[in-house]
Amino acid sequence: MESGGSSVSARADTVGASSETFEELYEREFGAIVALAYALSGSRAAAEDLAQEAFLVAHRNWETVAGLDAPGAWVRRVAANLSVSAFRRGIAETRALSRLALGRQQVLPELSADDAEFWRAVRSLPRRQAQVIALHYLEDRPVAEIAQILGTADGTVKKHLHDGRQALARRLRLEEGD
């Protein structure tokens, strides 16, 4: 079945093992991958770097990635994992910079007070809970897609989503129904 090269599905997750090129995947998914990395990292610059790095890994492994049912999900998983690694590296750097800055605080870019507080709370969650919350609320993805992206079972995603919501409610002092 030839697609003629001009018709591309709206989401990489539904493309599957098609004749889609790396460039088409990159063009369509880059913004969403940056948004996911931003939600998990809290830094626009870091988010763009993480997205670029995730796509670089996909490009290096394109023969394998292109044959997957959901190459976009694979790139999201790489970006989510890279964001956790970057966060861990950043802890040591932040401590050193804090000692040098003598109390200067870094301002989060263009976030309302409520958004900044929420995403700080999300980043303080355990790794998988933060990833599930970001994919669910930032990208409005259903449980099954999140499970596919993270390579886990639907029930595991539901558990992380439930536990993450409860932890966020406690940290943000929200009531159960909110």
N, C-alpha and C. Protein backbone atom coordinates (compact mmCIF):
# COMPACT_ATOMS: atom_id res chain seq x y z
N MET A 1 0.84 -1.18 0.00
CA MET A 1 0.00 0.00 0.00
C MET A 1 0.88 1.23 0.00
N GLU A 2 0.92 1.97 -1.06
CA GLU A 2 1.71 3.19 -1.15
C GLU A 2 0.84 4.36 -0.72
N SER A 3 1.43 5.24 0.10
CA SER A 3 0.67 6.39 0.57
C SER A 3 0.95 7.62 -0.26
N GLY A 4 1.93 7.56 -1.16
CA GLY A 4 2.26 8.71 -1.97
C GLY A 4 3.15 9.70 -1.27
N GLY A 5 3.42 9.47 0.02
CA GLY A 5 4.35 10.29 0.77
C GLY A 5 3.77 11.58 1.30
N SER A 6 2.60 12.04 0.83
CA SER A 6 2.10 13.34 1.27
C SER A 6 1.08 13.20 2.39
N SER A 7 0.48 12.07 2.56
CA SER A 7 -0.52 11.87 3.59
C SER A 7 0.12 11.24 4.82
N VAL A 8 0.09 11.99 5.91
CA VAL A 8 0.67 11.51 7.15
C VAL A 8 -0.39 11.58 8.23
N SER A 9 -0.49 10.55 9.03
CA SER A 9 -1.45 10.52 10.12
C SER A 9 -1.20 11.66 11.10
N ALA A 10 -2.24 12.11 11.78
CA ALA A 10 -2.12 13.24 12.70
C ALA A 10 -1.25 12.93 13.90
N ARG A 11 -1.14 11.69 14.29
CA ARG A 11 -0.33 11.34 15.47
C ARG A 11 0.54 10.16 15.14
N ALA A 12 1.78 10.23 15.61
CA ALA A 12 2.72 9.14 15.35
C ALA A 12 2.28 7.86 16.03
N ASP A 13 1.51 8.00 17.11
CA ASP A 13 1.10 6.82 17.85
C ASP A 13 0.15 5.93 17.03
N THR A 14 -0.45 6.48 16.00
CA THR A 14 -1.36 5.67 15.20
C THR A 14 -0.75 5.27 13.87
N VAL A 15 0.48 5.69 13.63
CA VAL A 15 1.11 5.42 12.34
C VAL A 15 1.53 3.97 12.21
N GLY A 16 2.21 3.44 13.24
CA GLY A 16 2.69 2.07 13.17
C GLY A 16 3.85 1.94 12.22
N ALA A 17 4.09 0.74 11.79
CA ALA A 17 5.24 0.46 10.91
C ALA A 17 4.92 0.92 9.50
N SER A 18 4.91 2.22 9.29
CA SER A 18 4.57 2.77 7.99
C SER A 18 5.83 3.22 7.28
N SER A 19 5.62 3.91 6.17
CA SER A 19 6.76 4.44 5.43
C SER A 19 7.08 5.85 5.90
N GLU A 20 6.60 6.23 7.05
CA GLU A 20 6.87 7.56 7.60
C GLU A 20 8.37 7.77 7.77
N THR A 21 8.82 8.95 7.43
CA THR A 21 10.23 9.26 7.59
C THR A 21 10.49 9.84 8.97
N PHE A 22 11.74 9.82 9.35
CA PHE A 22 12.14 10.42 10.61
C PHE A 22 11.74 11.90 10.63
N GLU A 23 11.96 12.59 9.53
CA GLU A 23 11.66 14.01 9.44
C GLU A 23 10.17 14.29 9.67
N GLU A 24 9.32 13.44 9.15
CA GLU A 24 7.87 13.61 9.35
C GLU A 24 7.51 13.42 10.82
N LEU A 25 8.07 12.40 11.44
CA LEU A 25 7.84 12.18 12.87
C LEU A 25 8.32 13.38 13.67
N TYR A 26 9.52 13.83 13.37
CA TYR A 26 10.12 14.96 14.09
C TYR A 26 9.25 16.21 13.95
N GLU A 27 8.84 16.52 12.75
CA GLU A 27 8.03 17.71 12.50
C GLU A 27 6.72 17.68 13.28
N ARG A 28 6.08 16.55 13.28
CA ARG A 28 4.78 16.42 13.92
C ARG A 28 4.87 16.36 15.44
N GLU A 29 5.88 15.69 15.96
CA GLU A 29 5.92 15.41 17.39
C GLU A 29 6.83 16.32 18.22
N PHE A 30 7.70 17.08 17.58
CA PHE A 30 8.70 17.84 18.34
C PHE A 30 8.06 18.75 19.40
N GLY A 31 7.05 19.52 19.03
CA GLY A 31 6.40 20.42 19.98
C GLY A 31 5.82 19.70 21.19
N ALA A 32 5.18 18.58 20.95
CA ALA A 32 4.59 17.82 22.05
C ALA A 32 5.67 17.22 22.95
N ILE A 33 6.77 16.79 22.37
CA ILE A 33 7.86 16.22 23.17
C ILE A 33 8.52 17.32 24.01
N VAL A 34 8.68 18.51 23.44
CA VAL A 34 9.21 19.65 24.20
C VAL A 34 8.28 19.97 25.37
N ALA A 35 6.97 19.98 25.12
CA ALA A 35 6.00 20.28 26.18
C ALA A 35 6.08 19.25 27.30
N LEU A 36 6.20 17.98 26.95
CA LEU A 36 6.34 16.94 27.96
C LEU A 36 7.61 17.14 28.77
N ALA A 37 8.71 17.37 28.10
CA ALA A 37 9.99 17.58 28.79
C ALA A 37 9.94 18.83 29.66
N TYR A 38 9.24 19.86 29.20
CA TYR A 38 9.10 21.09 29.98
C TYR A 38 8.31 20.83 31.26
N ALA A 39 7.23 20.06 31.13
CA ALA A 39 6.43 19.74 32.31
C ALA A 39 7.25 18.95 33.33
N LEU A 40 8.12 18.09 32.85
CA LEU A 40 8.91 17.26 33.75
C LEU A 40 10.17 17.96 34.26
N SER A 41 10.69 18.93 33.50
CA SER A 41 11.95 19.58 33.89
C SER A 41 11.76 20.96 34.48
N GLY A 42 10.73 21.67 34.06
CA GLY A 42 10.50 23.02 34.54
C GLY A 42 11.33 24.08 33.85
N SER A 43 12.07 23.69 32.84
CA SER A 43 12.95 24.63 32.14
C SER A 43 12.73 24.51 30.64
N ARG A 44 12.44 25.65 30.00
CA ARG A 44 12.22 25.64 28.56
C ARG A 44 13.48 25.21 27.81
N ALA A 45 14.61 25.77 28.20
CA ALA A 45 15.87 25.44 27.52
C ALA A 45 16.20 23.96 27.70
N ALA A 46 16.04 23.48 28.92
CA ALA A 46 16.30 22.06 29.17
C ALA A 46 15.33 21.19 28.40
N ALA A 47 14.08 21.62 28.31
CA ALA A 47 13.07 20.84 27.59
C ALA A 47 13.43 20.70 26.12
N GLU A 48 13.89 21.78 25.51
CA GLU A 48 14.28 21.71 24.11
C GLU A 48 15.49 20.80 23.93
N ASP A 49 16.45 20.90 24.84
CA ASP A 49 17.62 20.02 24.79
C ASP A 49 17.22 18.56 24.95
N LEU A 50 16.34 18.28 25.90
CA LEU A 50 15.89 16.91 26.14
C LEU A 50 15.16 16.36 24.92
N ALA A 51 14.31 17.17 24.32
CA ALA A 51 13.58 16.73 23.12
C ALA A 51 14.56 16.45 21.98
N GLN A 52 15.51 17.34 21.79
CA GLN A 52 16.51 17.11 20.74
C GLN A 52 17.28 15.82 21.00
N GLU A 53 17.65 15.61 22.25
CA GLU A 53 18.41 14.40 22.58
C GLU A 53 17.57 13.14 22.35
N ALA A 54 16.28 13.20 22.71
CA ALA A 54 15.40 12.05 22.49
C ALA A 54 15.27 11.75 20.99
N PHE A 55 15.13 12.79 20.19
CA PHE A 55 15.03 12.58 18.74
C PHE A 55 16.36 12.12 18.15
N LEU A 56 17.46 12.54 18.73
CA LEU A 56 18.76 12.07 18.27
C LEU A 56 18.89 10.56 18.50
N VAL A 57 18.44 10.12 19.66
CA VAL A 57 18.46 8.68 19.96
C VAL A 57 17.57 7.94 18.95
N ALA A 58 16.41 8.52 18.66
CA ALA A 58 15.50 7.90 17.69
C ALA A 58 16.14 7.86 16.30
N HIS A 59 16.82 8.92 15.92
CA HIS A 59 17.46 8.96 14.61
C HIS A 59 18.56 7.90 14.51
N ARG A 60 19.34 7.78 15.57
CA ARG A 60 20.42 6.78 15.57
C ARG A 60 19.87 5.36 15.48
N ASN A 61 18.67 5.16 15.97
CA ASN A 61 18.05 3.83 15.98
C ASN A 61 16.85 3.76 15.04
N TRP A 62 16.84 4.59 14.00
CA TRP A 62 15.66 4.73 13.16
C TRP A 62 15.20 3.42 12.54
N GLU A 63 16.12 2.56 12.15
CA GLU A 63 15.70 1.28 11.55
C GLU A 63 14.78 0.52 12.49
N THR A 64 15.09 0.52 13.76
CA THR A 64 14.26 -0.16 14.76
C THR A 64 13.02 0.66 15.09
N VAL A 65 13.21 1.95 15.35
CA VAL A 65 12.11 2.81 15.78
C VAL A 65 11.04 2.91 14.70
N ALA A 66 11.44 3.02 13.44
CA ALA A 66 10.48 3.14 12.34
C ALA A 66 9.57 1.92 12.25
N GLY A 67 10.03 0.77 12.69
CA GLY A 67 9.23 -0.45 12.62
C GLY A 67 8.30 -0.64 13.80
N LEU A 68 8.37 0.24 14.78
CA LEU A 68 7.51 0.12 15.95
C LEU A 68 6.09 0.53 15.63
N ASP A 69 5.14 0.02 16.40
CA ASP A 69 3.75 0.42 16.23
C ASP A 69 3.53 1.88 16.57
N ALA A 70 4.32 2.41 17.52
CA ALA A 70 4.13 3.79 17.97
C ALA A 70 5.48 4.48 18.17
N PRO A 71 6.12 4.92 17.11
CA PRO A 71 7.42 5.58 17.26
C PRO A 71 7.34 6.84 18.11
N GLY A 72 6.23 7.56 18.05
CA GLY A 72 6.07 8.75 18.89
C GLY A 72 6.06 8.40 20.37
N ALA A 73 5.44 7.29 20.70
CA ALA A 73 5.42 6.83 22.10
C ALA A 73 6.83 6.46 22.55
N TRP A 74 7.59 5.85 21.67
CA TRP A 74 8.97 5.47 22.00
C TRP A 74 9.80 6.72 22.28
N VAL A 75 9.64 7.75 21.46
CA VAL A 75 10.40 8.98 21.67
C VAL A 75 9.97 9.64 22.98
N ARG A 76 8.67 9.60 23.31
CA ARG A 76 8.19 10.16 24.57
C ARG A 76 8.83 9.43 25.76
N ARG A 77 8.92 8.11 25.66
CA ARG A 77 9.53 7.34 26.75
C ARG A 77 10.98 7.75 26.93
N VAL A 78 11.70 7.89 25.83
CA VAL A 78 13.11 8.32 25.90
C VAL A 78 13.19 9.70 26.54
N ALA A 79 12.33 10.63 26.11
CA ALA A 79 12.35 12.00 26.66
C ALA A 79 12.02 11.98 28.15
N ALA A 80 11.05 11.18 28.54
CA ALA A 80 10.68 11.10 29.97
C ALA A 80 11.84 10.54 30.78
N ASN A 81 12.49 9.51 30.28
CA ASN A 81 13.63 8.94 31.00
C ASN A 81 14.82 9.91 31.04
N LEU A 82 15.05 10.62 29.94
CA LEU A 82 16.14 11.60 29.91
C LEU A 82 15.87 12.74 30.90
N SER A 83 14.61 13.11 31.05
CA SER A 83 14.29 14.21 31.97
C SER A 83 14.59 13.81 33.41
N VAL A 84 14.36 12.55 33.74
CA VAL A 84 14.69 12.08 35.09
C VAL A 84 16.21 12.10 35.30
N SER A 85 16.95 11.65 34.31
CA SER A 85 18.42 11.67 34.41
C SER A 85 18.93 13.10 34.53
N ALA A 86 18.36 14.00 33.74
CA ALA A 86 18.78 15.41 33.80
C ALA A 86 18.46 16.01 35.16
N PHE A 87 17.32 15.63 35.71
CA PHE A 87 16.94 16.13 37.02
C PHE A 87 17.96 15.70 38.08
N ARG A 88 18.36 14.44 38.01
CA ARG A 88 19.34 13.94 38.97
C ARG A 88 20.68 14.67 38.83
N ARG A 89 21.12 14.88 37.59
CA ARG A 89 22.35 15.64 37.38
C ARG A 89 22.21 17.07 37.86
N GLY A 90 21.04 17.62 37.64
CA GLY A 90 20.78 19.00 38.01
C GLY A 90 20.80 19.26 39.49
N ILE A 91 20.50 18.25 40.28
CA ILE A 91 20.51 18.42 41.74
C ILE A 91 21.89 18.85 42.22
N ALA A 92 22.91 18.13 41.77
CA ALA A 92 24.27 18.47 42.18
C ALA A 92 24.67 19.85 41.66
N GLU A 93 24.31 20.16 40.42
CA GLU A 93 24.64 21.46 39.85
C GLU A 93 23.92 22.58 40.60
N THR A 94 22.67 22.35 40.96
CA THR A 94 21.90 23.37 41.67
C THR A 94 22.50 23.66 43.04
N ARG A 95 22.92 22.63 43.72
CA ARG A 95 23.54 22.85 45.03
C ARG A 95 24.80 23.70 44.90
N ALA A 96 25.61 23.40 43.90
CA ALA A 96 26.84 24.18 43.70
C ALA A 96 26.51 25.62 43.31
N LEU A 97 25.56 25.80 42.42
CA LEU A 97 25.18 27.15 42.00
C LEU A 97 24.54 27.94 43.14
N SER A 98 23.79 27.26 43.98
CA SER A 98 23.17 27.93 45.12
C SER A 98 24.22 28.48 46.06
N ARG A 99 25.27 27.71 46.28
CA ARG A 99 26.36 28.20 47.14
C ARG A 99 27.01 29.42 46.52
N LEU A 100 27.14 29.44 45.19
CA LEU A 100 27.77 30.57 44.51
C LEU A 100 26.85 31.78 44.42
N ALA A 101 25.59 31.56 44.23
CA ALA A 101 24.64 32.64 44.01
C ALA A 101 24.28 33.38 45.30
N LEU A 102 24.56 32.79 46.43
CA LEU A 102 24.27 33.41 47.73
C LEU A 102 22.84 33.92 47.85
N GLY A 103 21.94 33.00 47.61
CA GLY A 103 20.54 33.31 47.85
C GLY A 103 19.75 33.77 46.65
N ARG A 104 20.34 33.92 45.50
CA ARG A 104 19.55 34.29 44.31
C ARG A 104 18.61 33.15 43.96
N GLN A 105 17.38 33.49 43.63
CA GLN A 105 16.42 32.47 43.25
C GLN A 105 16.18 32.51 41.74
N GLN A 106 16.07 31.35 41.15
CA GLN A 106 15.77 31.26 39.72
C GLN A 106 14.27 31.42 39.52
N VAL A 107 13.90 32.26 38.58
CA VAL A 107 12.50 32.51 38.28
C VAL A 107 12.05 31.55 37.17
N LEU A 108 10.90 30.93 37.39
CA LEU A 108 10.34 30.05 36.36
C LEU A 108 9.77 30.90 35.23
N PRO A 109 10.01 30.52 33.99
CA PRO A 109 9.56 31.34 32.86
C PRO A 109 8.06 31.26 32.64
N GLU A 110 7.41 32.41 32.60
CA GLU A 110 6.03 32.57 32.16
C GLU A 110 5.04 31.55 32.69
N LEU A 111 5.11 31.26 33.96
CA LEU A 111 4.11 30.39 34.57
C LEU A 111 3.32 31.22 35.58
N SER A 112 2.00 31.02 35.60
CA SER A 112 1.22 31.68 36.65
C SER A 112 1.63 31.04 37.97
N ALA A 113 1.33 31.70 39.06
CA ALA A 113 1.70 31.18 40.38
C ALA A 113 1.09 29.79 40.60
N ASP A 114 -0.15 29.61 40.18
CA ASP A 114 -0.81 28.30 40.35
C ASP A 114 -0.14 27.23 39.51
N ASP A 115 0.18 27.54 38.23
CA ASP A 115 0.84 26.57 37.37
C ASP A 115 2.22 26.20 37.90
N ALA A 116 2.98 27.21 38.30
CA ALA A 116 4.34 26.95 38.81
C ALA A 116 4.29 26.06 40.04
N GLU A 117 3.35 26.34 40.93
CA GLU A 117 3.23 25.53 42.15
C GLU A 117 2.83 24.09 41.79
N PHE A 118 1.89 23.95 40.86
CA PHE A 118 1.45 22.62 40.46
C PHE A 118 2.60 21.81 39.86
N TRP A 119 3.34 22.39 38.88
CA TRP A 119 4.40 21.63 38.23
C TRP A 119 5.58 21.39 39.15
N ARG A 120 5.83 22.28 40.11
CA ARG A 120 6.86 21.99 41.13
C ARG A 120 6.43 20.77 41.94
N ALA A 121 5.15 20.72 42.30
CA ALA A 121 4.64 19.58 43.05
C ALA A 121 4.73 18.30 42.22
N VAL A 122 4.42 18.39 40.92
CA VAL A 122 4.52 17.21 40.04
C VAL A 122 5.96 16.73 40.00
N ARG A 123 6.91 17.64 39.85
CA ARG A 123 8.33 17.25 39.78
C ARG A 123 8.84 16.65 41.08
N SER A 124 8.14 16.91 42.18
CA SER A 124 8.56 16.34 43.46
C SER A 124 8.02 14.92 43.67
N LEU A 125 7.14 14.49 42.79
CA LEU A 125 6.58 13.13 42.88
C LEU A 125 7.63 12.11 42.47
N PRO A 126 7.42 10.85 42.84
CA PRO A 126 8.29 9.80 42.30
C PRO A 126 8.25 9.84 40.77
N ARG A 127 9.34 9.41 40.15
CA ARG A 127 9.56 9.52 38.70
C ARG A 127 8.37 9.07 37.87
N ARG A 128 7.88 7.88 38.06
CA ARG A 128 6.79 7.36 37.22
C ARG A 128 5.49 8.13 37.45
N GLN A 129 5.22 8.50 38.70
CA GLN A 129 4.01 9.28 38.97
C GLN A 129 4.08 10.62 38.23
N ALA A 130 5.23 11.27 38.26
CA ALA A 130 5.39 12.56 37.57
C ALA A 130 5.20 12.38 36.06
N GLN A 131 5.75 11.32 35.50
CA GLN A 131 5.62 11.07 34.07
C GLN A 131 4.16 10.83 33.69
N VAL A 132 3.47 10.01 34.49
CA VAL A 132 2.07 9.70 34.21
C VAL A 132 1.20 10.96 34.33
N ILE A 133 1.41 11.74 35.37
CA ILE A 133 0.64 12.97 35.56
C ILE A 133 0.88 13.93 34.39
N ALA A 134 2.14 14.10 33.98
CA ALA A 134 2.46 15.02 32.88
C ALA A 134 1.81 14.55 31.58
N LEU A 135 1.92 13.28 31.27
CA LEU A 135 1.33 12.77 30.03
C LEU A 135 -0.20 12.88 30.06
N HIS A 136 -0.80 12.65 31.23
CA HIS A 136 -2.25 12.69 31.33
C HIS A 136 -2.79 14.12 31.27
N TYR A 137 -2.20 15.02 32.05
CA TYR A 137 -2.74 16.37 32.13
C TYR A 137 -2.17 17.33 31.10
N LEU A 138 -0.93 17.18 30.72
CA LEU A 138 -0.34 18.09 29.75
C LEU A 138 -0.77 17.71 28.33
N GLU A 139 -0.73 16.41 28.02
CA GLU A 139 -1.05 15.97 26.67
C GLU A 139 -2.43 15.34 26.55
N ASP A 140 -3.16 15.28 27.67
CA ASP A 140 -4.52 14.73 27.68
C ASP A 140 -4.57 13.33 27.09
N ARG A 141 -3.60 12.51 27.48
CA ARG A 141 -3.53 11.15 26.96
C ARG A 141 -4.29 10.19 27.86
N PRO A 142 -4.99 9.23 27.26
CA PRO A 142 -5.69 8.22 28.05
C PRO A 142 -4.70 7.21 28.63
N VAL A 143 -5.16 6.46 29.59
CA VAL A 143 -4.34 5.49 30.31
C VAL A 143 -3.64 4.52 29.36
N ALA A 144 -4.36 4.00 28.37
CA ALA A 144 -3.76 3.01 27.46
C ALA A 144 -2.58 3.59 26.69
N GLU A 145 -2.69 4.84 26.25
CA GLU A 145 -1.57 5.46 25.52
C GLU A 145 -0.39 5.71 26.44
N ILE A 146 -0.68 6.14 27.66
CA ILE A 146 0.40 6.38 28.63
C ILE A 146 1.13 5.06 28.91
N ALA A 147 0.37 4.00 29.07
CA ALA A 147 0.97 2.68 29.31
C ALA A 147 1.88 2.29 28.15
N GLN A 148 1.42 2.54 26.94
CA GLN A 148 2.23 2.21 25.76
C GLN A 148 3.50 3.06 25.73
N ILE A 149 3.37 4.35 25.99
CA ILE A 149 4.52 5.26 25.97
C ILE A 149 5.56 4.83 27.00
N LEU A 150 5.11 4.50 28.20
CA LEU A 150 6.04 4.17 29.29
C LEU A 150 6.40 2.69 29.34
N GLY A 151 5.77 1.89 28.47
CA GLY A 151 6.10 0.47 28.43
C GLY A 151 5.67 -0.28 29.68
N THR A 152 4.48 0.02 30.13
CA THR A 152 3.97 -0.60 31.35
C THR A 152 2.50 -0.99 31.16
N ALA A 153 1.93 -1.66 32.13
CA ALA A 153 0.55 -2.11 32.05
C ALA A 153 -0.43 -0.97 32.36
N ASP A 154 -1.64 -1.07 31.82
CA ASP A 154 -2.67 -0.07 32.09
C ASP A 154 -2.90 0.08 33.59
N GLY A 155 -2.97 -1.03 34.28
CA GLY A 155 -3.21 -1.00 35.73
C GLY A 155 -2.11 -0.27 36.49
N THR A 156 -0.90 -0.41 36.03
CA THR A 156 0.22 0.29 36.66
C THR A 156 0.07 1.79 36.46
N VAL A 157 -0.33 2.20 35.26
CA VAL A 157 -0.56 3.63 34.98
C VAL A 157 -1.67 4.14 35.88
N LYS A 158 -2.77 3.38 35.99
CA LYS A 158 -3.89 3.80 36.84
C LYS A 158 -3.43 3.98 38.28
N LYS A 159 -2.61 3.07 38.76
CA LYS A 159 -2.10 3.16 40.14
C LYS A 159 -1.23 4.40 40.31
N HIS A 160 -0.32 4.65 39.36
CA HIS A 160 0.54 5.85 39.45
C HIS A 160 -0.29 7.12 39.35
N LEU A 161 -1.30 7.12 38.50
CA LEU A 161 -2.17 8.29 38.35
C LEU A 161 -2.93 8.54 39.65
N HIS A 162 -3.47 7.49 40.22
CA HIS A 162 -4.21 7.60 41.49
C HIS A 162 -3.29 8.09 42.61
N ASP A 163 -2.15 7.43 42.76
CA ASP A 163 -1.22 7.82 43.83
C ASP A 163 -0.69 9.23 43.61
N GLY A 164 -0.40 9.57 42.36
CA GLY A 164 0.09 10.91 42.05
C GLY A 164 -0.95 11.98 42.38
N ARG A 165 -2.19 11.71 42.02
CA ARG A 165 -3.27 12.67 42.33
C ARG A 165 -3.41 12.86 43.83
N GLN A 166 -3.37 11.77 44.57
CA GLN A 166 -3.49 11.87 46.02
C GLN A 166 -2.33 12.67 46.62
N ALA A 167 -1.12 12.39 46.15
CA ALA A 167 0.05 13.11 46.66
C ALA A 167 -0.04 14.59 46.30
N LEU A 168 -0.48 14.89 45.08
CA LEU A 168 -0.62 16.30 44.68
C LEU A 168 -1.69 17.00 45.52
N ALA A 169 -2.79 16.30 45.77
CA ALA A 169 -3.85 16.90 46.59
C ALA A 169 -3.33 17.23 47.98
N ARG A 170 -2.53 16.32 48.56
CA ARG A 170 -1.95 16.60 49.88
C ARG A 170 -0.97 17.76 49.81
N ARG A 171 -0.10 17.75 48.81
CA ARG A 171 0.92 18.80 48.70
C ARG A 171 0.32 20.15 48.38
N LEU A 172 -0.73 20.16 47.59
CA LEU A 172 -1.36 21.42 47.20
C LEU A 172 -2.56 21.75 48.08
N ARG A 173 -2.82 20.89 49.05
CA ARG A 173 -3.91 21.06 50.00
C ARG A 173 -5.26 21.22 49.31
N LEU A 174 -5.54 20.32 48.38
CA LEU A 174 -6.81 20.31 47.68
C LEU A 174 -7.72 19.27 48.30
N GLU A 175 -9.00 19.43 48.10
CA GLU A 175 -9.95 18.45 48.58
C GLU A 175 -10.09 17.36 47.53
N GLU A 176 -10.55 16.19 47.94
CA GLU A 176 -10.67 15.02 47.07
C GLU A 176 -11.43 15.32 45.78
N GLY A 177 -12.49 16.09 45.79
CA GLY A 177 -13.34 16.31 44.63
C GLY A 177 -12.79 17.30 43.63
N ASP A 178 -11.75 18.05 43.96
CA ASP A 178 -11.21 19.08 43.07
C ASP A 178 -10.51 18.53 41.87
